[in-house]
Amino acid sequence: MWGFVLANVEPGKEPEFFSNLGSIHQVRHVFYLFDDYEYLLEVEADSTQELAKVLTNHIRHLPGVERTASYIEGNTREFAPLEKEETGSPRAEPSIY
């Protein structure tokens, strides 16, 4: 399983962030970004559950991490289907321009 984390780190906390990040053996690569997020972390794990645990319980709680966004590659059979409320009105089709 693969996942990606976009992360912003508080200015001046980068050395501590990278020091602690080194202890998370599931992190395979770190890329510096020039956009809304500062870092892209590539993460590998044996299962969806392990990947979600690393993303939510470890990376998000590293000192200095201000904001993250996580993306998980996965098989949709591993996730429970979403239940949507019926509104009673027909849904409009999206327009293509």
N, C-alpha and C. Protein backbone atom coordinates (compact mmCIF):
# COMPACT_ATOMS: atom_id res chain seq x y z
N MET A 1 0.84 -1.17 0.00
CA MET A 1 0.00 0.00 0.00
C MET A 1 0.89 1.24 0.00
N TRP A 2 0.44 2.22 -0.76
CA TRP A 2 1.17 3.48 -0.83
C TRP A 2 0.26 4.61 -0.41
N GLY A 3 0.85 5.63 0.19
CA GLY A 3 0.12 6.83 0.54
C GLY A 3 1.05 8.03 0.42
N PHE A 4 0.44 9.17 0.39
CA PHE A 4 1.20 10.40 0.29
C PHE A 4 0.66 11.39 1.30
N VAL A 5 1.54 12.17 1.89
CA VAL A 5 1.15 13.20 2.85
C VAL A 5 1.74 14.52 2.40
N LEU A 6 0.89 15.51 2.26
CA LEU A 6 1.34 16.88 2.07
C LEU A 6 1.44 17.49 3.46
N ALA A 7 2.52 18.18 3.75
CA ALA A 7 2.70 18.71 5.10
C ALA A 7 3.30 20.11 5.09
N ASN A 8 2.84 20.91 6.03
CA ASN A 8 3.45 22.21 6.33
C ASN A 8 4.06 22.11 7.72
N VAL A 9 5.25 22.68 7.86
CA VAL A 9 5.97 22.64 9.13
C VAL A 9 6.22 24.06 9.60
N GLU A 10 6.04 24.26 10.88
CA GLU A 10 6.25 25.57 11.49
C GLU A 10 7.68 26.04 11.24
N PRO A 11 7.85 27.31 10.84
CA PRO A 11 9.21 27.82 10.58
C PRO A 11 10.13 27.61 11.79
N GLY A 12 11.32 27.12 11.53
CA GLY A 12 12.30 26.86 12.58
C GLY A 12 12.21 25.47 13.17
N LYS A 13 11.13 24.73 12.90
CA LYS A 13 10.95 23.39 13.44
C LYS A 13 11.39 22.29 12.47
N GLU A 14 11.91 22.68 11.30
CA GLU A 14 12.29 21.70 10.30
C GLU A 14 13.33 20.69 10.79
N PRO A 15 14.39 21.11 11.50
CA PRO A 15 15.36 20.11 11.98
C PRO A 15 14.72 19.06 12.89
N GLU A 16 13.87 19.48 13.79
CA GLU A 16 13.20 18.54 14.69
C GLU A 16 12.23 17.64 13.92
N PHE A 17 11.52 18.24 12.94
CA PHE A 17 10.60 17.48 12.10
C PHE A 17 11.35 16.36 11.37
N PHE A 18 12.45 16.70 10.70
CA PHE A 18 13.19 15.69 9.95
C PHE A 18 13.86 14.67 10.85
N SER A 19 14.31 15.09 12.02
CA SER A 19 14.90 14.16 12.96
C SER A 19 13.88 13.11 13.39
N ASN A 20 12.68 13.55 13.71
CA ASN A 20 11.62 12.62 14.13
C ASN A 20 11.07 11.82 12.95
N LEU A 21 11.03 12.41 11.80
CA LEU A 21 10.55 11.73 10.60
C LEU A 21 11.43 10.52 10.28
N GLY A 22 12.71 10.62 10.57
CA GLY A 22 13.63 9.52 10.32
C GLY A 22 13.32 8.27 11.11
N SER A 23 12.57 8.39 12.20
CA SER A 23 12.22 7.21 13.00
C SER A 23 10.98 6.49 12.48
N ILE A 24 10.32 7.05 11.47
CA ILE A 24 9.14 6.40 10.89
C ILE A 24 9.61 5.64 9.65
N HIS A 25 9.83 4.33 9.81
CA HIS A 25 10.45 3.55 8.74
C HIS A 25 9.57 3.39 7.50
N GLN A 26 8.28 3.69 7.59
CA GLN A 26 7.39 3.59 6.43
C GLN A 26 7.56 4.75 5.45
N VAL A 27 8.20 5.84 5.88
CA VAL A 27 8.42 6.99 5.00
C VAL A 27 9.56 6.64 4.05
N ARG A 28 9.26 6.63 2.75
CA ARG A 28 10.24 6.22 1.73
C ARG A 28 10.97 7.39 1.10
N HIS A 29 10.26 8.48 0.82
CA HIS A 29 10.86 9.64 0.17
C HIS A 29 10.21 10.91 0.71
N VAL A 30 10.99 11.99 0.69
CA VAL A 30 10.48 13.31 1.05
C VAL A 30 10.87 14.27 -0.08
N PHE A 31 9.88 15.03 -0.54
CA PHE A 31 10.11 15.99 -1.61
C PHE A 31 9.75 17.38 -1.11
N TYR A 32 10.56 18.36 -1.47
CA TYR A 32 10.26 19.75 -1.13
C TYR A 32 9.38 20.33 -2.23
N LEU A 33 8.32 21.05 -1.84
CA LEU A 33 7.37 21.62 -2.79
C LEU A 33 7.42 23.14 -2.76
N PHE A 34 6.99 23.75 -3.84
CA PHE A 34 6.91 25.20 -3.93
C PHE A 34 5.46 25.59 -4.20
N ASP A 35 4.60 25.33 -3.24
CA ASP A 35 3.18 25.62 -3.42
C ASP A 35 2.51 25.77 -2.07
N ASP A 36 1.25 25.41 -1.96
CA ASP A 36 0.51 25.55 -0.72
C ASP A 36 1.07 24.70 0.42
N TYR A 37 1.65 23.56 0.08
CA TYR A 37 2.30 22.69 1.07
C TYR A 37 3.80 22.71 0.82
N GLU A 38 4.56 22.47 1.88
CA GLU A 38 6.02 22.54 1.79
C GLU A 38 6.67 21.20 1.47
N TYR A 39 6.06 20.08 1.94
CA TYR A 39 6.69 18.78 1.77
C TYR A 39 5.67 17.75 1.28
N LEU A 40 6.16 16.82 0.47
CA LEU A 40 5.38 15.66 0.04
C LEU A 40 6.13 14.44 0.56
N LEU A 41 5.46 13.65 1.39
CA LEU A 41 6.05 12.45 1.96
C LEU A 41 5.44 11.24 1.28
N GLU A 42 6.27 10.36 0.79
CA GLU A 42 5.81 9.11 0.20
C GLU A 42 5.92 8.02 1.27
N VAL A 43 4.81 7.33 1.52
CA VAL A 43 4.74 6.37 2.62
C VAL A 43 4.31 5.01 2.08
N GLU A 44 4.94 3.94 2.58
CA GLU A 44 4.59 2.58 2.18
C GLU A 44 4.29 1.76 3.43
N ALA A 45 3.24 0.93 3.37
CA ALA A 45 2.88 0.07 4.50
C ALA A 45 2.32 -1.24 3.96
N ASP A 46 2.19 -2.23 4.84
CA ASP A 46 1.71 -3.55 4.44
C ASP A 46 0.19 -3.62 4.28
N SER A 47 -0.54 -2.71 4.92
CA SER A 47 -2.00 -2.75 4.85
C SER A 47 -2.56 -1.33 4.90
N THR A 48 -3.80 -1.21 4.51
CA THR A 48 -4.48 0.08 4.58
C THR A 48 -4.54 0.57 6.02
N GLN A 49 -4.79 -0.34 6.95
CA GLN A 49 -4.89 0.02 8.36
C GLN A 49 -3.56 0.55 8.89
N GLU A 50 -2.46 -0.11 8.53
CA GLU A 50 -1.14 0.35 8.97
C GLU A 50 -0.83 1.72 8.36
N LEU A 51 -1.16 1.87 7.09
CA LEU A 51 -0.91 3.14 6.41
C LEU A 51 -1.69 4.27 7.07
N ALA A 52 -2.96 4.04 7.33
CA ALA A 52 -3.80 5.05 7.98
C ALA A 52 -3.26 5.39 9.37
N LYS A 53 -2.77 4.39 10.09
CA LYS A 53 -2.21 4.62 11.43
C LYS A 53 -0.96 5.49 11.36
N VAL A 54 -0.09 5.20 10.41
CA VAL A 54 1.14 6.00 10.25
C VAL A 54 0.79 7.44 9.90
N LEU A 55 -0.15 7.61 8.95
CA LEU A 55 -0.51 8.96 8.51
C LEU A 55 -1.16 9.76 9.62
N THR A 56 -2.09 9.15 10.34
CA THR A 56 -2.87 9.91 11.33
C THR A 56 -2.22 9.95 12.71
N ASN A 57 -1.60 8.87 13.14
CA ASN A 57 -1.07 8.82 14.51
C ASN A 57 0.40 9.21 14.64
N HIS A 58 1.13 9.17 13.53
CA HIS A 58 2.56 9.45 13.63
C HIS A 58 2.94 10.76 12.93
N ILE A 59 2.71 10.84 11.64
CA ILE A 59 3.16 12.00 10.88
C ILE A 59 2.44 13.27 11.32
N ARG A 60 1.14 13.23 11.47
CA ARG A 60 0.38 14.43 11.86
C ARG A 60 0.77 14.96 13.22
N HIS A 61 1.31 14.10 14.08
CA HIS A 61 1.63 14.52 15.45
C HIS A 61 3.11 14.81 15.67
N LEU A 62 3.89 14.86 14.59
CA LEU A 62 5.30 15.22 14.75
C LEU A 62 5.40 16.68 15.18
N PRO A 63 6.36 17.02 16.03
CA PRO A 63 6.54 18.41 16.45
C PRO A 63 6.75 19.32 15.26
N GLY A 64 6.02 20.42 15.24
CA GLY A 64 6.16 21.41 14.19
C GLY A 64 5.19 21.27 13.04
N VAL A 65 4.53 20.12 12.92
CA VAL A 65 3.58 19.94 11.81
C VAL A 65 2.35 20.80 12.07
N GLU A 66 2.08 21.69 11.13
CA GLU A 66 0.94 22.60 11.26
C GLU A 66 -0.29 22.10 10.52
N ARG A 67 -0.08 21.47 9.35
CA ARG A 67 -1.21 21.07 8.51
C ARG A 67 -0.78 19.93 7.62
N THR A 68 -1.70 18.97 7.41
CA THR A 68 -1.42 17.87 6.49
C THR A 68 -2.64 17.57 5.63
N ALA A 69 -2.41 16.90 4.54
CA ALA A 69 -3.45 16.32 3.70
C ALA A 69 -2.92 14.96 3.28
N SER A 70 -3.73 13.91 3.43
CA SER A 70 -3.27 12.55 3.17
C SER A 70 -4.03 11.93 2.01
N TYR A 71 -3.33 11.13 1.22
CA TYR A 71 -3.90 10.43 0.08
C TYR A 71 -3.45 8.97 0.16
N ILE A 72 -4.40 8.06 0.10
CA ILE A 72 -4.09 6.64 0.22
C ILE A 72 -4.47 5.92 -1.07
N GLU A 73 -3.52 5.16 -1.60
CA GLU A 73 -3.79 4.27 -2.72
C GLU A 73 -4.42 3.03 -2.10
N GLY A 74 -5.52 2.59 -2.65
CA GLY A 74 -6.12 1.42 -2.05
C GLY A 74 -7.16 0.77 -2.92
N ASN A 75 -7.56 -0.37 -2.48
CA ASN A 75 -8.59 -1.13 -3.13
C ASN A 75 -9.91 -0.73 -2.49
N THR A 76 -10.88 -0.31 -3.28
CA THR A 76 -12.13 0.18 -2.72
C THR A 76 -12.88 -0.90 -1.96
N ARG A 77 -12.56 -2.17 -2.17
CA ARG A 77 -13.21 -3.24 -1.41
C ARG A 77 -12.82 -3.20 0.06
N GLU A 78 -11.70 -2.55 0.38
CA GLU A 78 -11.25 -2.48 1.77
C GLU A 78 -11.97 -1.40 2.57
N PHE A 79 -12.72 -0.54 1.89
CA PHE A 79 -13.40 0.56 2.56
C PHE A 79 -14.90 0.32 2.54
N ALA A 80 -15.57 0.67 3.61
CA ALA A 80 -17.02 0.55 3.66
C ALA A 80 -17.64 1.56 2.70
N PRO A 81 -18.71 1.19 2.00
CA PRO A 81 -19.34 2.15 1.09
C PRO A 81 -19.97 3.31 1.85
N LEU A 82 -19.99 4.47 1.22
CA LEU A 82 -20.59 5.64 1.83
C LEU A 82 -22.10 5.59 1.67
N GLU A 83 -22.82 5.92 2.70
CA GLU A 83 -24.27 6.01 2.64
C GLU A 83 -24.64 7.44 2.32
N LYS A 84 -25.43 7.63 1.27
CA LYS A 84 -25.84 8.97 0.89
C LYS A 84 -27.33 9.14 1.18
N GLU A 85 -27.67 10.31 1.67
CA GLU A 85 -29.06 10.62 1.95
C GLU A 85 -29.81 10.90 0.67
N GLU A 86 -31.02 10.38 0.57
CA GLU A 86 -31.88 10.67 -0.58
C GLU A 86 -32.55 12.01 -0.33
N THR A 87 -32.48 12.92 -1.29
CA THR A 87 -33.08 14.24 -1.12
C THR A 87 -34.45 14.33 -1.78
N GLY A 88 -34.76 13.40 -2.66
CA GLY A 88 -36.05 13.42 -3.32
C GLY A 88 -36.07 14.21 -4.61
N SER A 89 -35.09 15.08 -4.80
CA SER A 89 -35.06 15.86 -6.04
C SER A 89 -34.00 15.29 -6.96
N PRO A 90 -34.23 15.35 -8.27
CA PRO A 90 -33.23 14.81 -9.20
C PRO A 90 -31.93 15.61 -9.13
N ARG A 91 -30.83 14.91 -9.32
CA ARG A 91 -29.52 15.54 -9.28
C ARG A 91 -29.20 16.11 -10.66
N ALA A 92 -28.72 17.33 -10.67
CA ALA A 92 -28.36 17.96 -11.94
C ALA A 92 -27.08 17.34 -12.47
N GLU A 93 -27.04 17.15 -13.77
CA GLU A 93 -25.84 16.64 -14.41
C GLU A 93 -24.80 17.74 -14.50
N PRO A 94 -23.53 17.43 -14.30
CA PRO A 94 -22.49 18.47 -14.41
C PRO A 94 -22.36 18.98 -15.83
N SER A 95 -22.07 20.24 -15.94
CA SER A 95 -21.86 20.85 -17.26
C SER A 95 -20.41 20.71 -17.65
N ILE A 96 -20.18 20.53 -18.93
CA ILE A 96 -18.81 20.47 -19.45
C ILE A 96 -18.63 21.66 -20.37
N TYR A 97 -17.61 22.46 -20.11
CA TYR A 97 -17.35 23.66 -20.91
C TYR A 97 -16.17 23.46 -21.79
